[in-house]
């Protein structure tokens, strides 16, 4: 179903919210994801902000692939509330990342 690991999504959430990375490092990380991971990341953000329902995730992924006109990192970094949207998307998809989040909070990243 989700073609990006929850760990990578949590990493992006953490770094965009409170991590030590600057914008360029975060852009490079997102840009280094493969096309499937990028499309799923965008779809997850869309579900999180309410543009799609969790049941429409496959459609959101297809839309992300079809409508991509700018680099994914530029699109996502320009999205207001990116970490909140990704968190809400994970939650809507029923993906529990509490263990992964604890690792980040404990400094195991």
PDB file of N, CA and C in Angstrom:
ATOM      1  N   UNK A   1       0.825  -1.191   0.000  1.00  0.00           N
ATOM      2  CA  UNK A   1       0.000   0.000   0.000  1.00  0.00           C
ATOM      3  C   UNK A   1       0.872   1.260   0.000  1.00  0.00           C
ATOM      4  N   UNK A   2       1.514   1.575   1.124  1.00  0.00           N
ATOM      5  CA  UNK A   2       2.363   2.762   1.195  1.00  0.00           C
ATOM      6  C   UNK A   2       3.755   2.391   0.703  1.00  0.00           C
ATOM      7  N   UNK A   3       4.217   3.072  -0.339  1.00  0.00           N
ATOM      8  CA  UNK A   3       5.500   2.734  -0.947  1.00  0.00           C
ATOM      9  C   UNK A   3       6.630   3.655  -0.494  1.00  0.00           C
ATOM     10  N   UNK A   4       6.467   4.204   0.694  1.00  0.00           N
ATOM     11  CA  UNK A   4       7.543   4.935   1.362  1.00  0.00           C
ATOM     12  C   UNK A   4       7.504   4.472   2.811  1.00  0.00           C
ATOM     13  N   UNK A   5       8.648   4.212   3.368  1.00  0.00           N
ATOM     14  CA  UNK A   5       8.660   3.682   4.733  1.00  0.00           C
ATOM     15  C   UNK A   5       8.175   4.748   5.708  1.00  0.00           C
ATOM     16  N   UNK A   6       7.430   4.317   6.724  1.00  0.00           N
ATOM     17  CA  UNK A   6       7.008   5.266   7.757  1.00  0.00           C
ATOM     18  C   UNK A   6       8.191   5.974   8.403  1.00  0.00           C
ATOM     19  N   UNK A   7       9.329   5.283   8.483  1.00  0.00           N
ATOM     20  CA  UNK A   7      10.529   5.905   9.060  1.00  0.00           C
ATOM     21  C   UNK A   7      10.966   7.125   8.252  1.00  0.00           C
ATOM     22  N   UNK A   8      10.905   7.024   6.939  1.00  0.00           N
ATOM     23  CA  UNK A   8      11.290   8.168   6.093  1.00  0.00           C
ATOM     24  C   UNK A   8      10.312   9.317   6.271  1.00  0.00           C
ATOM     25  N   UNK A   9       9.028   9.000   6.369  1.00  0.00           N
ATOM     26  CA  UNK A   9       8.022  10.049   6.561  1.00  0.00           C
ATOM     27  C   UNK A   9       8.231  10.739   7.906  1.00  0.00           C
ATOM     28  N   UNK A  10       8.453   9.964   8.954  1.00  0.00           N
ATOM     29  CA  UNK A  10       8.704  10.543  10.277  1.00  0.00           C
ATOM     30  C   UNK A  10       9.978  11.386  10.247  1.00  0.00           C
ATOM     31  N   UNK A  11      10.981  10.927   9.522  1.00  0.00           N
ATOM     32  CA  UNK A  11      12.223  11.687   9.388  1.00  0.00           C
ATOM     33  C   UNK A  11      11.941  13.060   8.778  1.00  0.00           C
ATOM     34  N   UNK A  12      11.134  13.096   7.733  1.00  0.00           N
ATOM     35  CA  UNK A  12      10.782  14.364   7.086  1.00  0.00           C
ATOM     36  C   UNK A  12       9.981  15.241   8.042  1.00  0.00           C
ATOM     37  N   UNK A  13       9.025  14.644   8.755  1.00  0.00           N
ATOM     38  CA  UNK A  13       8.233  15.400   9.729  1.00  0.00           C
ATOM     39  C   UNK A  13       9.151  16.008  10.785  1.00  0.00           C
ATOM     40  N   UNK A  14      10.013  15.186  11.347  1.00  0.00           N
ATOM     41  CA  UNK A  14      10.912  15.632  12.417  1.00  0.00           C
ATOM     42  C   UNK A  14      11.839  16.737  11.921  1.00  0.00           C
ATOM     43  N   UNK A  15      12.466  16.517  10.776  1.00  0.00           N
ATOM     44  CA  UNK A  15      13.430  17.500  10.277  1.00  0.00           C
ATOM     45  C   UNK A  15      12.765  18.809   9.868  1.00  0.00           C
ATOM     46  N   UNK A  16      11.553  18.733   9.328  1.00  0.00           N
ATOM     47  CA  UNK A  16      10.902  19.974   8.905  1.00  0.00           C
ATOM     48  C   UNK A  16      10.340  20.746  10.097  1.00  0.00           C
ATOM     49  N   UNK A  17      10.090  20.054  11.188  1.00  0.00           N
ATOM     50  CA  UNK A  17       9.519  20.712  12.356  1.00  0.00           C
ATOM     51  C   UNK A  17      10.585  21.167  13.345  1.00  0.00           C
ATOM     52  N   UNK A  18      11.484  20.286  13.718  1.00  0.00           N
ATOM     53  CA  UNK A  18      12.380  20.616  14.827  1.00  0.00           C
ATOM     54  C   UNK A  18      13.789  20.076  14.668  1.00  0.00           C
ATOM     55  N   UNK A  19      14.078  19.497  13.527  1.00  0.00           N
ATOM     56  CA  UNK A  19      15.394  18.907  13.341  1.00  0.00           C
ATOM     57  C   UNK A  19      16.468  19.935  13.091  1.00  0.00           C
ATOM     58  N   UNK A  20      17.679  19.447  12.980  1.00  0.00           N
ATOM     59  CA  UNK A  20      18.809  20.326  12.772  1.00  0.00           C
ATOM     60  C   UNK A  20      19.101  20.635  11.315  1.00  0.00           C
ATOM     61  N   UNK A  21      18.336  20.023  10.423  1.00  0.00           N
ATOM     62  CA  UNK A  21      18.588  20.260   9.007  1.00  0.00           C
ATOM     63  C   UNK A  21      17.999  21.587   8.567  1.00  0.00           C
ATOM     64  N   UNK A  22      18.670  22.180   7.595  1.00  0.00           N
ATOM     65  CA  UNK A  22      18.118  23.359   6.955  1.00  0.00           C
ATOM     66  C   UNK A  22      17.279  22.937   5.759  1.00  0.00           C
ATOM     67  N   UNK A  23      16.731  23.908   5.081  1.00  0.00           N
ATOM     68  CA  UNK A  23      15.879  23.629   3.920  1.00  0.00           C
ATOM     69  C   UNK A  23      16.606  22.832   2.836  1.00  0.00           C
ATOM     70  N   UNK A  24      17.877  23.163   2.609  1.00  0.00           N
ATOM     71  CA  UNK A  24      18.602  22.485   1.524  1.00  0.00           C
ATOM     72  C   UNK A  24      18.798  21.003   1.803  1.00  0.00           C
ATOM     73  N   UNK A  25      19.098  20.657   3.043  1.00  0.00           N
ATOM     74  CA  UNK A  25      19.265  19.243   3.397  1.00  0.00           C
ATOM     75  C   UNK A  25      17.945  18.485   3.265  1.00  0.00           C
ATOM     76  N   UNK A  26      16.864  19.117   3.704  1.00  0.00           N
ATOM     77  CA  UNK A  26      15.557  18.477   3.597  1.00  0.00           C
ATOM     78  C   UNK A  26      15.149  18.328   2.135  1.00  0.00           C
ATOM     79  N   UNK A  27      15.408  19.347   1.341  1.00  0.00           N
ATOM     80  CA  UNK A  27      15.126  19.261  -0.108  1.00  0.00           C
ATOM     81  C   UNK A  27      15.912  18.116  -0.736  1.00  0.00           C
ATOM     82  N   UNK A  28      17.167  17.988  -0.357  1.00  0.00           N
ATOM     83  CA  UNK A  28      18.013  16.930  -0.922  1.00  0.00           C
ATOM     84  C   UNK A  28      17.488  15.552  -0.518  1.00  0.00           C
ATOM     85  N   UNK A  29      17.033  15.416   0.714  1.00  0.00           N
ATOM     86  CA  UNK A  29      16.496  14.135   1.177  1.00  0.00           C
ATOM     87  C   UNK A  29      15.247  13.759   0.378  1.00  0.00           C
ATOM     88  N   UNK A  30      14.322  14.698   0.244  1.00  0.00           N
ATOM     89  CA  UNK A  30      13.091  14.438  -0.514  1.00  0.00           C
ATOM     90  C   UNK A  30      13.417  14.185  -1.981  1.00  0.00           C
ATOM     91  N   UNK A  31      14.340  14.982  -2.533  1.00  0.00           N
ATOM     92  CA  UNK A  31      14.732  14.813  -3.931  1.00  0.00           C
ATOM     93  C   UNK A  31      15.425  13.495  -4.192  1.00  0.00           C
ATOM     94  N   UNK A  32      16.036  12.917  -3.159  1.00  0.00           N
ATOM     95  CA  UNK A  32      16.731  11.645  -3.300  1.00  0.00           C
ATOM     96  C   UNK A  32      15.818  10.431  -3.221  1.00  0.00           C
ATOM     97  N   UNK A  33      14.556  10.652  -2.888  1.00  0.00           N
ATOM     98  CA  UNK A  33      13.596   9.540  -2.863  1.00  0.00           C
ATOM     99  C   UNK A  33      13.294   9.100  -4.289  1.00  0.00           C
ATOM    100  N   UNK A  34      12.947   7.825  -4.470  1.00  0.00           N
ATOM    101  CA  UNK A  34      12.594   7.396  -5.825  1.00  0.00           C
ATOM    102  C   UNK A  34      11.202   7.919  -6.189  1.00  0.00           C
ATOM    103  N   UNK A  35      10.812   7.752  -7.448  1.00  0.00           N
ATOM    104  CA  UNK A  35       9.549   8.323  -7.931  1.00  0.00           C
ATOM    105  C   UNK A  35       8.341   7.777  -7.176  1.00  0.00           C
ATOM    106  N   UNK A  36       8.349   6.486  -6.861  1.00  0.00           N
ATOM    107  CA  UNK A  36       7.236   5.896  -6.111  1.00  0.00           C
ATOM    108  C   UNK A  36       7.129   6.528  -4.724  1.00  0.00           C
ATOM    109  N   UNK A  37       8.267   6.643  -4.051  1.00  0.00           N
ATOM    110  CA  UNK A  37       8.267   7.231  -2.712  1.00  0.00           C
ATOM    111  C   UNK A  37       7.774   8.677  -2.750  1.00  0.00           C
ATOM    112  N   UNK A  38       8.218   9.434  -3.749  1.00  0.00           N
ATOM    113  CA  UNK A  38       7.798  10.825  -3.861  1.00  0.00           C
ATOM    114  C   UNK A  38       6.296  10.938  -4.106  1.00  0.00           C
ATOM    115  N   UNK A  39       5.762  10.119  -4.999  1.00  0.00           N
ATOM    116  CA  UNK A  39       4.327  10.159  -5.290  1.00  0.00           C
ATOM    117  C   UNK A  39       3.514   9.779  -4.055  1.00  0.00           C
ATOM    118  N   UNK A  40       3.969   8.791  -3.318  1.00  0.00           N
ATOM    119  CA  UNK A  40       3.257   8.367  -2.112  1.00  0.00           C
ATOM    120  C   UNK A  40       3.366   9.420  -1.013  1.00  0.00           C
ATOM    121  N   UNK A  41       4.491  10.108  -0.937  1.00  0.00           N
ATOM    122  CA  UNK A  41       4.662  11.171   0.048  1.00  0.00           C
ATOM    123  C   UNK A  41       3.700  12.323  -0.232  1.00  0.00           C
ATOM    124  N   UNK A  42       3.599  12.721  -1.492  1.00  0.00           N
ATOM    125  CA  UNK A  42       2.668  13.790  -1.871  1.00  0.00           C
ATOM    126  C   UNK A  42       1.234  13.356  -1.581  1.00  0.00           C
ATOM    127  N   UNK A  43       0.888  12.130  -1.960  1.00  0.00           N
ATOM    128  CA  UNK A  43      -0.466  11.627  -1.714  1.00  0.00           C
ATOM    129  C   UNK A  43      -0.779  11.605  -0.217  1.00  0.00           C
ATOM    130  N   UNK A  44       0.197  11.224   0.577  1.00  0.00           N
ATOM    131  CA  UNK A  44       0.020  11.196   2.028  1.00  0.00           C
ATOM    132  C   UNK A  44      -0.255  12.605   2.566  1.00  0.00           C
ATOM    133  N   UNK A  45       0.474  13.586   2.070  1.00  0.00           N
ATOM    134  CA  UNK A  45       0.253  14.981   2.488  1.00  0.00           C
ATOM    135  C   UNK A  45      -1.137  15.445   2.071  1.00  0.00           C
ATOM    136  N   UNK A  46      -1.572  15.043   0.873  1.00  0.00           N
ATOM    137  CA  UNK A  46      -2.904  15.431   0.403  1.00  0.00           C
ATOM    138  C   UNK A  46      -3.996  14.817   1.263  1.00  0.00           C
ATOM    139  N   UNK A  47      -3.829  13.559   1.628  1.00  0.00           N
ATOM    140  CA  UNK A  47      -4.806  12.917   2.513  1.00  0.00           C
ATOM    141  C   UNK A  47      -4.816  13.652   3.856  1.00  0.00           C
ATOM    142  N   UNK A  48      -3.645  14.009   4.341  1.00  0.00           N
ATOM    143  CA  UNK A  48      -3.544  14.701   5.624  1.00  0.00           C
ATOM    144  C   UNK A  48      -4.190  16.066   5.640  1.00  0.00           C
ATOM    145  N   UNK A  49      -4.186  16.742   4.514  1.00  0.00           N
ATOM    146  CA  UNK A  49      -4.827  18.068   4.499  1.00  0.00           C
ATOM    147  C   UNK A  49      -6.272  18.023   4.032  1.00  0.00           C
ATOM    148  N   UNK A  50      -6.760  16.807   3.721  1.00  0.00           N
ATOM    149  CA  UNK A  50      -8.168  16.646   3.389  1.00  0.00           C
ATOM    150  C   UNK A  50      -8.520  16.756   1.920  1.00  0.00           C
ATOM    151  N   UNK A  51      -7.523  16.839   1.045  1.00  0.00           N
ATOM    152  CA  UNK A  51      -7.812  16.911  -0.386  1.00  0.00           C
ATOM    153  C   UNK A  51      -8.331  15.576  -0.916  1.00  0.00           C
ATOM    154  N   UNK A  52      -7.924  14.491  -0.277  1.00  0.00           N
ATOM    155  CA  UNK A  52      -8.381  13.143  -0.604  1.00  0.00           C
ATOM    156  C   UNK A  52      -8.701  12.434   0.704  1.00  0.00           C
ATOM    157  N   UNK A  53      -9.601  11.478   0.642  1.00  0.00           N
ATOM    158  CA  UNK A  53      -9.878  10.620   1.789  1.00  0.00           C
ATOM    159  C   UNK A  53      -8.888   9.456   1.765  1.00  0.00           C
ATOM    160  N   UNK A  54      -8.699   8.814   2.895  1.00  0.00           N
ATOM    161  CA  UNK A  54      -7.781   7.674   2.966  1.00  0.00           C
ATOM    162  C   UNK A  54      -8.181   6.597   1.957  1.00  0.00           C
ATOM    163  N   UNK A  55      -9.488   6.417   1.758  1.00  0.00           N
ATOM    164  CA  UNK A  55      -9.971   5.404   0.813  1.00  0.00           C
ATOM    165  C   UNK A  55      -9.615   5.750  -0.629  1.00  0.00           C
ATOM    166  N   UNK A  56      -9.268   6.993  -0.873  1.00  0.00           N
ATOM    167  CA  UNK A  56      -8.915   7.462  -2.218  1.00  0.00           C
ATOM    168  C   UNK A  56      -7.403   7.553  -2.419  1.00  0.00           C
ATOM    169  N   UNK A  57      -6.648   6.889  -1.551  1.00  0.00           N
ATOM    170  CA  UNK A  57      -5.187   7.012  -1.592  1.00  0.00           C
ATOM    171  C   UNK A  57      -4.610   6.636  -2.954  1.00  0.00           C
ATOM    172  N   UNK A  58      -5.076   5.536  -3.535  1.00  0.00           N
ATOM    173  CA  UNK A  58      -4.560   5.109  -4.846  1.00  0.00           C
ATOM    174  C   UNK A  58      -4.806   6.184  -5.898  1.00  0.00           C
ATOM    175  N   UNK A  59      -5.956   6.815  -5.845  1.00  0.00           N
ATOM    176  CA  UNK A  59      -6.267   7.907  -6.777  1.00  0.00           C
ATOM    177  C   UNK A  59      -5.345   9.105  -6.525  1.00  0.00           C
ATOM    178  N   UNK A  60      -5.061   9.382  -5.254  1.00  0.00           N
ATOM    179  CA  UNK A  60      -4.159  10.484  -4.909  1.00  0.00           C
ATOM    180  C   UNK A  60      -2.755  10.227  -5.456  1.00  0.00           C
ATOM    181  N   UNK A  61      -2.292   8.978  -5.369  1.00  0.00           N
ATOM    182  CA  UNK A  61      -0.971   8.629  -5.903  1.00  0.00           C
ATOM    183  C   UNK A  61      -0.950   8.832  -7.420  1.00  0.00           C
ATOM    184  N   UNK A  62      -1.984   8.354  -8.104  1.00  0.00           N
ATOM    185  CA  UNK A  62      -2.060   8.536  -9.561  1.00  0.00           C
ATOM    186  C   UNK A  62      -2.090  10.010  -9.922  1.00  0.00           C
ATOM    187  N   UNK A  63      -2.833  10.797  -9.174  1.00  0.00           N
ATOM    188  CA  UNK A  63      -2.910  12.235  -9.413  1.00  0.00           C
ATOM    189  C   UNK A  63      -1.546  12.884  -9.189  1.00  0.00           C
ATOM    190  N   UNK A  64      -0.852  12.479  -8.140  1.00  0.00           N
ATOM    191  CA  UNK A  64       0.481  13.033  -7.862  1.00  0.00           C
ATOM    192  C   UNK A  64       1.443  12.742  -9.007  1.00  0.00           C
ATOM    193  N   UNK A  65       1.369  11.544  -9.552  1.00  0.00           N
ATOM    194  CA  UNK A  65       2.233  11.190 -10.688  1.00  0.00           C
ATOM    195  C   UNK A  65       1.859  11.988 -11.934  1.00  0.00           C
ATOM    196  N   UNK A  66       0.563  12.052 -12.199  1.00  0.00           N
ATOM    197  CA  UNK A  66       0.062  12.669 -13.427  1.00  0.00           C
ATOM    198  C   UNK A  66       0.234  14.182 -13.440  1.00  0.00           C
ATOM    199  N   UNK A  67       0.080  14.812 -12.277  1.00  0.00           N
ATOM    200  CA  UNK A  67       0.077  16.273 -12.241  1.00  0.00           C
ATOM    201  C   UNK A  67       1.400  16.897 -11.804  1.00  0.00           C
ATOM    202  N   UNK A  68       2.429  16.084 -11.676  1.00  0.00           N
ATOM    203  CA  UNK A  68       3.731  16.607 -11.241  1.00  0.00           C
ATOM    204  C   UNK A  68       4.291  17.538 -12.308  1.00  0.00           C
ATOM    205  N   UNK A  69       4.490  18.795 -11.923  1.00  0.00           N
ATOM    206  CA  UNK A  69       5.059  19.775 -12.845  1.00  0.00           C
ATOM    207  C   UNK A  69       6.324  20.414 -12.294  1.00  0.00           C
ATOM    208  N   UNK A  70       6.555  20.266 -10.997  1.00  0.00           N
ATOM    209  CA  UNK A  70       7.756  20.812 -10.371  1.00  0.00           C
ATOM    210  C   UNK A  70       8.405  19.698  -9.564  1.00  0.00           C
ATOM    211  N   UNK A  71       9.663  19.853  -9.208  1.00  0.00           N
ATOM    212  CA  UNK A  71      10.293  18.845  -8.360  1.00  0.00           C
ATOM    213  C   UNK A  71       9.499  18.670  -7.064  1.00  0.00           C
ATOM    214  N   UNK A  72       9.360  17.435  -6.635  1.00  0.00           N
ATOM    215  CA  UNK A  72       8.570  17.120  -5.446  1.00  0.00           C
ATOM    216  C   UNK A  72       9.052  17.896  -4.235  1.00  0.00           C
ATOM    217  N   UNK A  73      10.362  18.014  -4.089  1.00  0.00           N
ATOM    218  CA  UNK A  73      10.893  18.726  -2.924  1.00  0.00           C
ATOM    219  C   UNK A  73      10.462  20.187  -2.920  1.00  0.00           C
ATOM    220  N   UNK A  74      10.406  20.817  -4.097  1.00  0.00           N
ATOM    221  CA  UNK A  74       9.963  22.213  -4.168  1.00  0.00           C
ATOM    222  C   UNK A  74       8.485  22.326  -3.815  1.00  0.00           C
ATOM    223  N   UNK A  75       7.693  21.408  -4.361  1.00  0.00           N
ATOM    224  CA  UNK A  75       6.254  21.419  -4.091  1.00  0.00           C
ATOM    225  C   UNK A  75       5.979  21.232  -2.598  1.00  0.00           C
ATOM    226  N   UNK A  76       6.585  20.211  -2.001  1.00  0.00           N
ATOM    227  CA  UNK A  76       6.308  19.920  -0.592  1.00  0.00           C
ATOM    228  C   UNK A  76       6.867  20.990   0.339  1.00  0.00           C
ATOM    229  N   UNK A  77       8.044  21.503   0.041  1.00  0.00           N
ATOM    230  CA  UNK A  77       8.635  22.526   0.909  1.00  0.00           C
ATOM    231  C   UNK A  77       7.833  23.828   0.853  1.00  0.00           C
ATOM    232  N   UNK A  78       7.064  24.010  -0.209  1.00  0.00           N
ATOM    233  CA  UNK A  78       6.205  25.187  -0.312  1.00  0.00           C
ATOM    234  C   UNK A  78       4.827  24.973   0.286  1.00  0.00           C
ATOM    235  N   UNK A  79       4.553  23.760   0.752  1.00  0.00           N
ATOM    236  CA  UNK A  79       3.238  23.433   1.309  1.00  0.00           C
ATOM    237  C   UNK A  79       3.158  23.915   2.757  1.00  0.00           C
ATOM    238  N   UNK A  80       2.197  24.790   3.062  1.00  0.00           N
ATOM    239  CA  UNK A  80       2.030  25.187   4.455  1.00  0.00           C
ATOM    240  C   UNK A  80       1.663  23.971   5.308  1.00  0.00           C
ATOM    241  N   UNK A  81       2.197  23.913   6.493  1.00  0.00           N
ATOM    242  CA  UNK A  81       1.870  22.863   7.464  1.00  0.00           C
ATOM    243  C   UNK A  81       2.252  21.463   6.986  1.00  0.00           C
ATOM    244  N   UNK A  82       3.364  21.341   6.277  1.00  0.00           N
ATOM    245  CA  UNK A  82       3.790  20.034   5.766  1.00  0.00           C
ATOM    246  C   UNK A  82       3.882  18.974   6.861  1.00  0.00           C
ATOM    247  N   UNK A  83       4.569  19.222   7.995  1.00  0.00           N
ATOM    248  CA  UNK A  83       4.666  18.151   8.990  1.00  0.00           C
ATOM    249  C   UNK A  83       3.304  17.734   9.541  1.00  0.00           C
ATOM    250  N   UNK A  84       2.430  18.701   9.752  1.00  0.00           N
ATOM    251  CA  UNK A  84       1.093  18.382  10.263  1.00  0.00           C
ATOM    252  C   UNK A  84       0.296  17.570   9.243  1.00  0.00           C
ATOM    253  N   UNK A  85       0.418  17.943   7.957  1.00  0.00           N
ATOM    254  CA  UNK A  85      -0.286  17.207   6.904  1.00  0.00           C
ATOM    255  C   UNK A  85       0.210  15.769   6.817  1.00  0.00           C
ATOM    256  N   UNK A  86       1.518  15.572   6.916  1.00  0.00           N
ATOM    257  CA  UNK A  86       2.058  14.215   6.850  1.00  0.00           C
ATOM    258  C   UNK A  86       1.634  13.395   8.063  1.00  0.00           C
ATOM    259  N   UNK A  87       1.654  14.012   9.237  1.00  0.00           N
ATOM    260  CA  UNK A  87       1.199  13.305  10.445  1.00  0.00           C
ATOM    261  C   UNK A  87      -0.265  12.902  10.318  1.00  0.00           C
ATOM    262  N   UNK A  88      -1.097  13.836   9.860  1.00  0.00           N
ATOM    263  CA  UNK A  88      -2.525  13.556   9.712  1.00  0.00           C
ATOM    264  C   UNK A  88      -2.753  12.496   8.633  1.00  0.00           C
ATOM    265  N   UNK A  89      -1.926  12.515   7.586  1.00  0.00           N
ATOM    266  CA  UNK A  89      -2.038  11.505   6.536  1.00  0.00           C
ATOM    267  C   UNK A  89      -1.716  10.116   7.048  1.00  0.00           C
ATOM    268  N   UNK A  90      -0.639  10.001   7.817  1.00  0.00           N
ATOM    269  CA  UNK A  90      -0.295   8.709   8.418  1.00  0.00           C
ATOM    270  C   UNK A  90      -1.422   8.218   9.314  1.00  0.00           C
ATOM    271  N   UNK A  91      -1.956   9.127  10.115  1.00  0.00           N
ATOM    272  CA  UNK A  91      -3.039   8.767  11.022  1.00  0.00           C
ATOM    273  C   UNK A  91      -4.279   8.315  10.241  1.00  0.00           C
ATOM    274  N   UNK A  92      -4.637   9.059   9.209  1.00  0.00           N
ATOM    275  CA  UNK A  92      -5.813   8.720   8.402  1.00  0.00           C
ATOM    276  C   UNK A  92      -5.654   7.362   7.724  1.00  0.00           C
ATOM    277  N   UNK A  93      -4.417   7.021   7.382  1.00  0.00           N
ATOM    278  CA  UNK A  93      -4.150   5.746   6.721  1.00  0.00           C
ATOM    279  C   UNK A  93      -4.032   4.601   7.726  1.00  0.00           C
ATOM    280  N   UNK A  94      -4.137   4.933   9.008  1.00  0.00           N
ATOM    281  CA  UNK A  94      -4.069   3.909  10.038  1.00  0.00           C
ATOM    282  C   UNK A  94      -2.676   3.387  10.291  1.00  0.00           C
ATOM    283  N   UNK A  95      -1.662   4.210   9.986  1.00  0.00           N
ATOM    284  CA  UNK A  95      -0.276   3.805  10.163  1.00  0.00           C
ATOM    285  C   UNK A  95       0.235   4.355  11.489  1.00  0.00           C
ATOM    286  N   UNK A  96       0.535   3.457  12.412  1.00  0.00           N
ATOM    287  CA  UNK A  96       1.014   3.837  13.732  1.00  0.00           C
ATOM    288  C   UNK A  96       2.529   3.976  13.694  1.00  0.00           C
ATOM    289  N   UNK A  97       2.995   5.166  13.969  1.00  0.00           N
ATOM    290  CA  UNK A  97       4.441   5.415  13.943  1.00  0.00           C
ATOM    291  C   UNK A  97       4.959   5.816  15.318  1.00  0.00           C
ATOM    292  N   UNK A  98       4.224   5.485  16.356  1.00  0.00           N
ATOM    293  CA  UNK A  98       4.627   5.910  17.694  1.00  0.00           C
ATOM    294  C   UNK A  98       6.009   5.385  18.073  1.00  0.00           C
ATOM    295  N   UNK A  99       6.328   4.135  17.691  1.00  0.00           N
ATOM    296  CA  UNK A  99       7.665   3.600  17.988  1.00  0.00           C
ATOM    297  C   UNK A  99       8.743   4.361  17.248  1.00  0.00           C
ATOM    298  N   UNK A 100       8.486   4.682  15.992  1.00  0.00           N
ATOM    299  CA  UNK A 100       9.453   5.425  15.189  1.00  0.00           C
ATOM    300  C   UNK A 100       9.630   6.828  15.756  1.00  0.00           C
ATOM    301  N   UNK A 101       8.526   7.471  16.146  1.00  0.00           N
ATOM    302  CA  UNK A 101       8.597   8.812  16.722  1.00  0.00           C
ATOM    303  C   UNK A 101       9.403   8.815  18.011  1.00  0.00           C
ATOM    304  N   UNK A 102       9.219   7.791  18.833  1.00  0.00           N
ATOM    305  CA  UNK A 102       9.972   7.702  20.080  1.00  0.00           C
ATOM    306  C   UNK A 102      11.472   7.609  19.812  1.00  0.00           C
ATOM    307  N   UNK A 103      11.844   6.863  18.767  1.00  0.00           N
ATOM    308  CA  UNK A 103      13.260   6.764  18.411  1.00  0.00           C
ATOM    309  C   UNK A 103      13.826   8.139  18.064  1.00  0.00           C
ATOM    310  N   UNK A 104      13.057   8.942  17.328  1.00  0.00           N
ATOM    311  CA  UNK A 104      13.524  10.278  16.976  1.00  0.00           C
ATOM    312  C   UNK A 104      13.626  11.167  18.194  1.00  0.00           C
ATOM    313  N   UNK A 105      12.650  11.088  19.066  1.00  0.00           N
ATOM    314  CA  UNK A 105      12.665  11.908  20.273  1.00  0.00           C
ATOM    315  C   UNK A 105      13.792  11.502  21.220  1.00  0.00           C
ATOM    316  N   UNK A 106      14.139  10.212  21.207  1.00  0.00           N
ATOM    317  CA  UNK A 106      15.226   9.720  22.041  1.00  0.00           C
ATOM    318  C   UNK A 106      16.600   9.954  21.432  1.00  0.00           C
ATOM    319  N   UNK A 107      16.612  10.480  20.205  1.00  0.00           N
ATOM    320  CA  UNK A 107      17.881  10.764  19.544  1.00  0.00           C
ATOM    321  C   UNK A 107      18.484   9.583  18.814  1.00  0.00           C
ATOM    322  N   UNK A 108      17.700   8.564  18.505  1.00  0.00           N
ATOM    323  CA  UNK A 108      18.205   7.394  17.806  1.00  0.00           C
ATOM    324  C   UNK A 108      18.082   7.509  16.285  1.00  0.00           C
ATOM    325  N   UNK A 109      18.168   8.696  15.753  1.00  0.00           N
ATOM    326  CA  UNK A 109      18.006   8.873  14.306  1.00  0.00           C
ATOM    327  C   UNK A 109      19.310   9.192  13.630  1.00  0.00           C
TER     328      UNK A 109
END
